[in-house]
Amino acid sequence: MGKKSGKDKANGGGTIALNKRARHEYHLEERFEAGLALQGWELKSIRAGRANITEAYAVVRDGELFLFGAQITPLISASTHVVADDRRTRKLLLHRREIDTLIGRVQRDGFTLVPTALYWKGNKVKAELALAKGKQSHDKREASKERDWNREKQRVLRRHNKDA
């Protein structure tokens, strides 16, 4: 019998969905792990790989955090007695102390809460939230120049090491 790999095959692996656009649009400061309150049909859809968080964001309401704009497309074989709303508001589950610090940073310091990833942790779905500040257009240009320069630098170093 072989060793078990780090990823659970039944759950489809570690990462469910990534928000790559968040790194481009925002300066990501601090990251938090939050649970998600999901319905049964949503979990089945996530296992089938039908989750998208590119346009999602988190909002504070009555001292609780909620995830807006995350799309979980229902399966065709979903139950007939359940009305499936693919973009419904989902509750984020965090400890009270974490919620209080996030509320303070969002309201006082003007941060935005952006989900950067959905992933499996055991048999639970977790969301990685980041405190973020929006980038200006010149910041985005600067970041792309930096990325291009680093890529070119790596090419030159690789070429130099190959010759030596």
N, C-alpha and C. Protein backbone atom coordinates (compact mmCIF):
# COMPACT_ATOMS: atom_id res chain seq x y z
N MET A 1 0.84 -1.18 0.00
CA MET A 1 0.00 0.00 0.00
C MET A 1 0.88 1.24 0.00
N GLY A 2 0.63 2.20 -0.89
CA GLY A 2 1.46 3.39 -1.01
C GLY A 2 1.12 4.46 0.01
N LYS A 3 1.99 5.45 0.07
CA LYS A 3 1.76 6.56 0.99
C LYS A 3 0.66 7.47 0.45
N LYS A 4 -0.06 8.10 1.37
CA LYS A 4 -1.08 9.07 0.97
C LYS A 4 -0.40 10.36 0.58
N SER A 5 -0.86 10.95 -0.50
CA SER A 5 -0.30 12.24 -0.91
C SER A 5 -0.91 13.34 -0.07
N GLY A 6 -0.35 14.55 -0.15
CA GLY A 6 -0.82 15.68 0.63
C GLY A 6 -2.20 16.15 0.23
N LYS A 7 -2.60 15.88 -1.02
CA LYS A 7 -3.90 16.34 -1.48
C LYS A 7 -4.90 15.19 -1.42
N ASP A 8 -6.10 15.50 -1.01
CA ASP A 8 -7.14 14.50 -0.90
C ASP A 8 -7.81 14.35 -2.27
N LYS A 9 -7.72 13.17 -2.85
CA LYS A 9 -8.27 12.94 -4.19
C LYS A 9 -9.78 13.06 -4.22
N ALA A 10 -10.45 12.69 -3.14
CA ALA A 10 -11.91 12.74 -3.11
C ALA A 10 -12.41 14.17 -3.19
N ASN A 11 -11.65 15.10 -2.63
CA ASN A 11 -12.07 16.50 -2.64
C ASN A 11 -11.51 17.28 -3.80
N GLY A 12 -10.78 16.63 -4.70
CA GLY A 12 -10.31 17.32 -5.89
C GLY A 12 -9.03 18.09 -5.69
N GLY A 13 -8.29 17.91 -4.61
CA GLY A 13 -7.04 18.61 -4.42
C GLY A 13 -7.18 19.79 -3.48
N GLY A 14 -6.11 20.55 -3.33
CA GLY A 14 -6.07 21.64 -2.36
C GLY A 14 -6.83 22.88 -2.77
N THR A 15 -6.43 23.50 -3.86
CA THR A 15 -7.00 24.78 -4.25
C THR A 15 -8.26 24.59 -5.09
N ILE A 16 -9.30 25.33 -4.76
CA ILE A 16 -10.56 25.28 -5.50
C ILE A 16 -10.60 26.40 -6.53
N ALA A 17 -10.38 27.64 -6.07
CA ALA A 17 -10.43 28.80 -6.96
C ALA A 17 -9.45 29.86 -6.47
N LEU A 18 -8.81 30.55 -7.41
CA LEU A 18 -7.89 31.64 -7.09
C LEU A 18 -8.41 32.94 -7.67
N ASN A 19 -8.10 34.02 -6.98
CA ASN A 19 -8.44 35.35 -7.47
C ASN A 19 -7.13 36.03 -7.87
N LYS A 20 -6.65 35.73 -9.08
CA LYS A 20 -5.38 36.28 -9.54
C LYS A 20 -5.47 37.78 -9.78
N ARG A 21 -6.65 38.26 -10.10
CA ARG A 21 -6.83 39.68 -10.38
C ARG A 21 -6.62 40.54 -9.13
N ALA A 22 -6.83 39.95 -7.96
CA ALA A 22 -6.69 40.71 -6.70
C ALA A 22 -5.28 41.24 -6.53
N ARG A 23 -4.26 40.42 -6.90
CA ARG A 23 -2.88 40.88 -6.76
C ARG A 23 -2.58 42.04 -7.71
N HIS A 24 -3.26 42.06 -8.84
CA HIS A 24 -3.05 43.13 -9.81
C HIS A 24 -3.78 44.42 -9.41
N GLU A 25 -4.96 44.28 -8.85
CA GLU A 25 -5.82 45.43 -8.54
C GLU A 25 -5.53 46.07 -7.18
N TYR A 26 -4.97 45.31 -6.24
CA TYR A 26 -4.83 45.78 -4.86
C TYR A 26 -3.44 45.54 -4.31
N HIS A 27 -3.08 46.36 -3.30
CA HIS A 27 -1.92 46.07 -2.45
C HIS A 27 -2.44 45.19 -1.32
N LEU A 28 -2.02 43.94 -1.27
CA LEU A 28 -2.51 43.01 -0.25
C LEU A 28 -1.64 43.13 0.99
N GLU A 29 -2.25 43.46 2.12
CA GLU A 29 -1.52 43.71 3.35
C GLU A 29 -1.43 42.46 4.23
N GLU A 30 -2.56 42.01 4.75
CA GLU A 30 -2.58 40.92 5.72
C GLU A 30 -3.62 39.90 5.29
N ARG A 31 -3.35 38.62 5.55
CA ARG A 31 -4.25 37.54 5.11
C ARG A 31 -4.88 36.83 6.31
N PHE A 32 -6.14 36.42 6.12
CA PHE A 32 -6.88 35.71 7.15
C PHE A 32 -7.54 34.48 6.53
N GLU A 33 -7.75 33.45 7.34
CA GLU A 33 -8.44 32.25 6.90
C GLU A 33 -9.83 32.25 7.50
N ALA A 34 -10.85 32.07 6.65
CA ALA A 34 -12.23 32.08 7.12
C ALA A 34 -12.96 30.85 6.58
N GLY A 35 -13.87 30.33 7.38
CA GLY A 35 -14.73 29.25 6.92
C GLY A 35 -15.89 29.84 6.15
N LEU A 36 -16.60 29.00 5.42
CA LEU A 36 -17.76 29.44 4.65
C LEU A 36 -18.98 28.64 5.07
N ALA A 37 -20.11 29.32 5.27
CA ALA A 37 -21.37 28.64 5.55
C ALA A 37 -22.02 28.32 4.21
N LEU A 38 -21.99 27.04 3.82
CA LEU A 38 -22.47 26.62 2.52
C LEU A 38 -23.67 25.70 2.65
N GLN A 39 -24.44 25.61 1.57
CA GLN A 39 -25.54 24.65 1.49
C GLN A 39 -25.02 23.40 0.78
N GLY A 40 -25.80 22.33 0.84
CA GLY A 40 -25.38 21.05 0.29
C GLY A 40 -25.10 21.09 -1.20
N TRP A 41 -25.97 21.75 -1.97
CA TRP A 41 -25.77 21.80 -3.42
C TRP A 41 -24.52 22.58 -3.77
N GLU A 42 -24.15 23.58 -2.94
CA GLU A 42 -22.95 24.38 -3.19
C GLU A 42 -21.69 23.53 -3.02
N LEU A 43 -21.70 22.69 -2.01
CA LEU A 43 -20.55 21.83 -1.76
C LEU A 43 -20.35 20.85 -2.92
N LYS A 44 -21.45 20.29 -3.44
CA LYS A 44 -21.36 19.38 -4.58
C LYS A 44 -20.82 20.12 -5.81
N SER A 45 -21.26 21.34 -6.02
CA SER A 45 -20.79 22.12 -7.16
C SER A 45 -19.31 22.46 -7.02
N ILE A 46 -18.89 22.78 -5.81
CA ILE A 46 -17.47 23.09 -5.57
C ILE A 46 -16.62 21.86 -5.85
N ARG A 47 -17.09 20.68 -5.43
CA ARG A 47 -16.35 19.45 -5.71
C ARG A 47 -16.22 19.22 -7.21
N ALA A 48 -17.23 19.68 -7.97
CA ALA A 48 -17.20 19.53 -9.43
C ALA A 48 -16.39 20.66 -10.08
N GLY A 49 -15.86 21.59 -9.29
CA GLY A 49 -15.01 22.65 -9.81
C GLY A 49 -15.77 23.81 -10.43
N ARG A 50 -16.90 24.18 -9.87
CA ARG A 50 -17.73 25.23 -10.45
C ARG A 50 -17.77 26.49 -9.58
N ALA A 51 -16.64 26.87 -9.00
CA ALA A 51 -16.58 28.06 -8.15
C ALA A 51 -15.73 29.14 -8.82
N ASN A 52 -16.14 30.40 -8.64
CA ASN A 52 -15.43 31.54 -9.22
C ASN A 52 -15.49 32.70 -8.23
N ILE A 53 -14.33 33.26 -7.87
CA ILE A 53 -14.31 34.36 -6.89
C ILE A 53 -13.64 35.62 -7.44
N THR A 54 -13.54 35.75 -8.76
CA THR A 54 -12.81 36.90 -9.32
C THR A 54 -13.51 38.23 -9.03
N GLU A 55 -14.82 38.25 -8.93
CA GLU A 55 -15.53 39.50 -8.68
C GLU A 55 -16.07 39.57 -7.26
N ALA A 56 -15.58 38.72 -6.37
CA ALA A 56 -16.11 38.65 -5.01
C ALA A 56 -15.42 39.64 -4.08
N TYR A 57 -16.12 40.02 -3.03
CA TYR A 57 -15.58 40.87 -1.97
C TYR A 57 -16.35 40.60 -0.69
N ALA A 58 -15.77 40.96 0.43
CA ALA A 58 -16.41 40.73 1.73
C ALA A 58 -16.90 42.05 2.31
N VAL A 59 -18.04 41.98 3.00
CA VAL A 59 -18.69 43.16 3.56
C VAL A 59 -19.06 42.88 5.01
N VAL A 60 -19.02 43.94 5.83
CA VAL A 60 -19.41 43.85 7.23
C VAL A 60 -20.87 44.27 7.36
N ARG A 61 -21.68 43.41 8.01
CA ARG A 61 -23.08 43.73 8.28
C ARG A 61 -23.42 43.26 9.68
N ASP A 62 -23.87 44.15 10.52
CA ASP A 62 -24.29 43.83 11.89
C ASP A 62 -23.24 43.04 12.66
N GLY A 63 -21.98 43.43 12.52
CA GLY A 63 -20.91 42.77 13.25
C GLY A 63 -20.52 41.41 12.72
N GLU A 64 -20.97 41.07 11.51
CA GLU A 64 -20.61 39.79 10.89
C GLU A 64 -20.06 40.06 9.50
N LEU A 65 -19.31 39.09 8.97
CA LEU A 65 -18.74 39.23 7.63
C LEU A 65 -19.48 38.35 6.65
N PHE A 66 -19.73 38.89 5.45
CA PHE A 66 -20.42 38.16 4.41
C PHE A 66 -19.66 38.27 3.11
N LEU A 67 -19.72 37.21 2.31
CA LEU A 67 -19.05 37.16 1.02
C LEU A 67 -20.06 37.46 -0.08
N PHE A 68 -19.80 38.52 -0.85
CA PHE A 68 -20.66 38.94 -1.94
C PHE A 68 -20.00 38.61 -3.28
N GLY A 69 -20.79 38.27 -4.26
CA GLY A 69 -20.30 38.15 -5.63
C GLY A 69 -19.57 36.87 -5.96
N ALA A 70 -19.41 35.96 -5.02
CA ALA A 70 -18.77 34.68 -5.33
C ALA A 70 -19.78 33.83 -6.08
N GLN A 71 -19.36 33.28 -7.21
CA GLN A 71 -20.27 32.51 -8.04
C GLN A 71 -19.98 31.02 -7.89
N ILE A 72 -21.00 30.29 -7.46
CA ILE A 72 -20.94 28.84 -7.40
C ILE A 72 -22.09 28.34 -8.27
N THR A 73 -21.77 27.89 -9.47
CA THR A 73 -22.77 27.49 -10.44
C THR A 73 -23.37 26.14 -10.02
N PRO A 74 -24.71 26.06 -9.93
CA PRO A 74 -25.33 24.80 -9.51
C PRO A 74 -25.20 23.72 -10.58
N LEU A 75 -25.14 22.49 -10.14
CA LEU A 75 -25.11 21.36 -11.05
C LEU A 75 -26.50 21.14 -11.64
N ILE A 76 -26.56 20.54 -12.80
CA ILE A 76 -27.85 20.25 -13.43
C ILE A 76 -28.63 19.26 -12.59
N SER A 77 -27.90 18.36 -11.95
CA SER A 77 -28.55 17.31 -11.14
C SER A 77 -28.88 17.79 -9.72
N ALA A 78 -28.89 19.12 -9.50
CA ALA A 78 -29.22 19.63 -8.17
C ALA A 78 -30.68 19.29 -7.83
N SER A 79 -30.97 19.25 -6.57
CA SER A 79 -32.29 18.86 -6.12
C SER A 79 -33.36 19.81 -6.65
N THR A 80 -34.53 19.28 -6.95
CA THR A 80 -35.61 20.09 -7.54
C THR A 80 -36.30 20.96 -6.52
N HIS A 81 -36.27 20.61 -5.26
CA HIS A 81 -36.97 21.39 -4.24
C HIS A 81 -36.11 22.53 -3.69
N VAL A 82 -34.86 22.66 -4.14
CA VAL A 82 -33.98 23.73 -3.69
C VAL A 82 -33.87 24.78 -4.78
N VAL A 83 -34.10 26.05 -4.42
CA VAL A 83 -33.92 27.14 -5.36
C VAL A 83 -32.46 27.56 -5.27
N ALA A 84 -31.69 27.27 -6.31
CA ALA A 84 -30.25 27.51 -6.29
C ALA A 84 -29.95 28.90 -6.84
N ASP A 85 -29.40 29.77 -5.99
CA ASP A 85 -28.95 31.10 -6.40
C ASP A 85 -27.43 31.07 -6.44
N ASP A 86 -26.86 31.19 -7.63
CA ASP A 86 -25.41 31.01 -7.76
C ASP A 86 -24.60 32.14 -7.15
N ARG A 87 -25.15 33.33 -6.97
CA ARG A 87 -24.42 34.46 -6.40
C ARG A 87 -24.99 34.92 -5.06
N ARG A 88 -25.54 34.01 -4.30
CA ARG A 88 -26.14 34.40 -3.02
C ARG A 88 -25.05 34.86 -2.04
N THR A 89 -25.47 35.61 -1.05
CA THR A 89 -24.56 36.10 -0.01
C THR A 89 -24.26 34.95 0.96
N ARG A 90 -22.98 34.69 1.17
CA ARG A 90 -22.58 33.59 2.05
C ARG A 90 -21.87 34.15 3.29
N LYS A 91 -22.16 33.56 4.43
CA LYS A 91 -21.57 34.03 5.67
C LYS A 91 -20.15 33.50 5.82
N LEU A 92 -19.25 34.39 6.27
CA LEU A 92 -17.86 34.00 6.54
C LEU A 92 -17.73 33.73 8.03
N LEU A 93 -17.05 32.66 8.37
CA LEU A 93 -16.94 32.22 9.76
C LEU A 93 -15.53 32.48 10.27
N LEU A 94 -15.43 33.42 11.22
CA LEU A 94 -14.16 33.75 11.86
C LEU A 94 -14.37 33.88 13.36
N HIS A 95 -13.27 33.90 14.10
CA HIS A 95 -13.35 34.15 15.54
C HIS A 95 -13.73 35.61 15.77
N ARG A 96 -14.38 35.89 16.90
CA ARG A 96 -14.86 37.24 17.21
C ARG A 96 -13.72 38.25 17.20
N ARG A 97 -12.57 37.88 17.75
CA ARG A 97 -11.43 38.81 17.80
C ARG A 97 -10.96 39.17 16.39
N GLU A 98 -10.93 38.18 15.50
CA GLU A 98 -10.53 38.44 14.11
C GLU A 98 -11.54 39.34 13.42
N ILE A 99 -12.82 39.08 13.65
CA ILE A 99 -13.86 39.92 13.05
C ILE A 99 -13.73 41.35 13.53
N ASP A 100 -13.49 41.53 14.83
CA ASP A 100 -13.35 42.88 15.38
C ASP A 100 -12.16 43.62 14.78
N THR A 101 -11.02 42.94 14.62
CA THR A 101 -9.87 43.61 14.03
C THR A 101 -10.14 43.96 12.56
N LEU A 102 -10.79 43.05 11.84
CA LEU A 102 -11.11 43.33 10.43
C LEU A 102 -12.08 44.49 10.29
N ILE A 103 -13.09 44.52 11.15
CA ILE A 103 -14.06 45.62 11.11
C ILE A 103 -13.35 46.94 11.38
N GLY A 104 -12.46 46.95 12.38
CA GLY A 104 -11.71 48.17 12.71
C GLY A 104 -10.86 48.64 11.55
N ARG A 105 -10.13 47.73 10.93
CA ARG A 105 -9.24 48.11 9.82
C ARG A 105 -10.04 48.58 8.60
N VAL A 106 -11.18 47.95 8.34
CA VAL A 106 -11.99 48.32 7.17
C VAL A 106 -12.62 49.70 7.39
N GLN A 107 -13.22 49.93 8.57
CA GLN A 107 -13.93 51.18 8.80
C GLN A 107 -12.99 52.34 9.10
N ARG A 108 -11.93 52.08 9.88
CA ARG A 108 -11.03 53.15 10.30
C ARG A 108 -9.99 53.47 9.24
N ASP A 109 -9.32 52.44 8.73
CA ASP A 109 -8.18 52.66 7.85
C ASP A 109 -8.52 52.61 6.37
N GLY A 110 -9.77 52.30 6.02
CA GLY A 110 -10.19 52.32 4.63
C GLY A 110 -9.72 51.14 3.81
N PHE A 111 -9.52 49.99 4.44
CA PHE A 111 -9.14 48.79 3.70
C PHE A 111 -10.37 48.14 3.09
N THR A 112 -10.14 47.26 2.13
CA THR A 112 -11.18 46.44 1.52
C THR A 112 -10.84 44.98 1.82
N LEU A 113 -11.86 44.16 2.00
CA LEU A 113 -11.66 42.73 2.22
C LEU A 113 -11.89 42.00 0.91
N VAL A 114 -10.83 41.36 0.40
CA VAL A 114 -10.90 40.68 -0.89
C VAL A 114 -10.56 39.21 -0.69
N PRO A 115 -11.39 38.29 -1.19
CA PRO A 115 -11.02 36.88 -1.13
C PRO A 115 -9.96 36.58 -2.19
N THR A 116 -8.87 35.95 -1.79
CA THR A 116 -7.80 35.65 -2.74
C THR A 116 -7.80 34.18 -3.15
N ALA A 117 -8.39 33.30 -2.34
CA ALA A 117 -8.39 31.88 -2.69
C ALA A 117 -9.50 31.14 -1.95
N LEU A 118 -9.99 30.08 -2.57
CA LEU A 118 -10.86 29.10 -1.93
C LEU A 118 -10.10 27.78 -1.96
N TYR A 119 -10.07 27.07 -0.83
CA TYR A 119 -9.32 25.82 -0.80
C TYR A 119 -9.92 24.87 0.22
N TRP A 120 -9.54 23.60 0.09
CA TRP A 120 -9.98 22.56 1.02
C TRP A 120 -9.02 22.50 2.20
N LYS A 121 -9.56 22.36 3.39
CA LYS A 121 -8.77 22.09 4.58
C LYS A 121 -9.47 20.95 5.29
N GLY A 122 -8.95 19.75 5.07
CA GLY A 122 -9.67 18.56 5.52
C GLY A 122 -10.88 18.40 4.61
N ASN A 123 -12.07 18.32 5.20
CA ASN A 123 -13.27 18.24 4.38
C ASN A 123 -14.06 19.54 4.42
N LYS A 124 -13.44 20.61 4.84
CA LYS A 124 -14.08 21.93 4.93
C LYS A 124 -13.55 22.85 3.84
N VAL A 125 -14.41 23.76 3.40
CA VAL A 125 -14.00 24.76 2.41
C VAL A 125 -13.61 26.02 3.18
N LYS A 126 -12.42 26.51 2.90
CA LYS A 126 -11.93 27.73 3.55
C LYS A 126 -11.69 28.80 2.50
N ALA A 127 -11.84 30.06 2.92
CA ALA A 127 -11.57 31.20 2.05
C ALA A 127 -10.41 31.98 2.65
N GLU A 128 -9.46 32.36 1.81
CA GLU A 128 -8.38 33.22 2.26
C GLU A 128 -8.78 34.65 1.94
N LEU A 129 -8.90 35.47 2.98
CA LEU A 129 -9.25 36.88 2.83
C LEU A 129 -8.01 37.73 3.01
N ALA A 130 -7.92 38.81 2.25
CA ALA A 130 -6.78 39.72 2.39
C ALA A 130 -7.30 41.13 2.63
N LEU A 131 -6.66 41.83 3.57
CA LEU A 131 -6.91 43.26 3.73
C LEU A 131 -6.18 43.95 2.60
N ALA A 132 -6.88 44.75 1.83
CA ALA A 132 -6.29 45.30 0.62
C ALA A 132 -6.59 46.78 0.47
N LYS A 133 -5.64 47.48 -0.15
CA LYS A 133 -5.83 48.88 -0.56
C LYS A 133 -5.76 48.90 -2.07
N GLY A 134 -6.62 49.67 -2.70
CA GLY A 134 -6.65 49.73 -4.16
C GLY A 134 -5.41 50.36 -4.74
N LYS A 135 -4.96 49.85 -5.88
CA LYS A 135 -3.80 50.40 -6.57
C LYS A 135 -4.26 51.47 -7.56
N GLN A 136 -3.44 52.48 -7.72
CA GLN A 136 -3.66 53.48 -8.77
C GLN A 136 -3.12 52.90 -10.08
N SER A 137 -3.46 53.52 -11.21
CA SER A 137 -3.02 52.98 -12.50
C SER A 137 -1.50 53.05 -12.63
N HIS A 138 -0.85 54.10 -12.06
CA HIS A 138 0.61 54.17 -12.15
C HIS A 138 1.27 53.08 -11.30
N ASP A 139 0.62 52.66 -10.21
CA ASP A 139 1.14 51.55 -9.40
C ASP A 139 1.11 50.26 -10.20
N LYS A 140 0.03 50.06 -10.97
CA LYS A 140 -0.09 48.84 -11.77
C LYS A 140 0.99 48.80 -12.85
N ARG A 141 1.25 49.96 -13.46
CA ARG A 141 2.30 50.02 -14.49
C ARG A 141 3.66 49.73 -13.87
N GLU A 142 3.90 50.29 -12.70
CA GLU A 142 5.17 50.07 -12.00
C GLU A 142 5.35 48.59 -11.66
N ALA A 143 4.28 47.94 -11.21
CA ALA A 143 4.36 46.52 -10.86
C ALA A 143 4.65 45.67 -12.10
N SER A 144 4.04 46.02 -13.23
CA SER A 144 4.30 45.23 -14.44
C SER A 144 5.72 45.45 -14.94
N LYS A 145 6.25 46.69 -14.82
CA LYS A 145 7.64 46.95 -15.20
C LYS A 145 8.59 46.13 -14.32
N GLU A 146 8.31 46.09 -13.03
CA GLU A 146 9.13 45.33 -12.09
C GLU A 146 9.11 43.84 -12.43
N ARG A 147 7.92 43.32 -12.75
CA ARG A 147 7.78 41.91 -13.11
C ARG A 147 8.56 41.60 -14.39
N ASP A 148 8.46 42.49 -15.40
CA ASP A 148 9.20 42.29 -16.65
C ASP A 148 10.71 42.33 -16.42
N TRP A 149 11.16 43.27 -15.58
CA TRP A 149 12.59 43.40 -15.30
C TRP A 149 13.11 42.15 -14.60
N ASN A 150 12.36 41.63 -13.62
CA ASN A 150 12.78 40.41 -12.91
C ASN A 150 12.85 39.22 -13.86
N ARG A 151 11.89 39.12 -14.77
CA ARG A 151 11.89 38.04 -15.74
C ARG A 151 13.12 38.13 -16.65
N GLU A 152 13.43 39.34 -17.13
CA GLU A 152 14.59 39.55 -18.00
C GLU A 152 15.89 39.25 -17.26
N LYS A 153 15.95 39.66 -15.99
CA LYS A 153 17.13 39.42 -15.17
C LYS A 153 17.37 37.92 -15.00
N GLN A 154 16.29 37.15 -14.78
CA GLN A 154 16.41 35.70 -14.66
C GLN A 154 16.91 35.08 -15.95
N ARG A 155 16.42 35.57 -17.09
CA ARG A 155 16.89 35.06 -18.39
C ARG A 155 18.38 35.28 -18.57
N VAL A 156 18.84 36.50 -18.25
CA VAL A 156 20.26 36.82 -18.40
C VAL A 156 21.11 35.94 -17.49
N LEU A 157 20.68 35.77 -16.24
CA LEU A 157 21.43 34.94 -15.30
C LEU A 157 21.47 33.48 -15.76
N ARG A 158 20.35 32.97 -16.28
CA ARG A 158 20.32 31.61 -16.76
C ARG A 158 21.26 31.42 -17.95
N ARG A 159 21.25 32.40 -18.86
CA ARG A 159 22.12 32.35 -20.02
C ARG A 159 23.58 32.40 -19.59
N HIS A 160 23.90 33.23 -18.62
CA HIS A 160 25.25 33.37 -18.12
C HIS A 160 25.74 32.08 -17.45
N ASN A 161 24.84 31.46 -16.65
CA ASN A 161 25.20 30.21 -15.96
C ASN A 161 25.39 29.06 -16.94
N LYS A 162 24.62 29.08 -18.03
CA LYS A 162 24.73 28.02 -19.03
C LYS A 162 26.08 28.09 -19.74
N ASP A 163 26.56 29.33 -20.03
CA ASP A 163 27.82 29.54 -20.74
C ASP A 163 29.02 29.18 -19.87
N ALA A 164 28.91 29.40 -18.59
CA ALA A 164 30.06 29.21 -17.69
C ALA A 164 30.39 27.78 -17.43
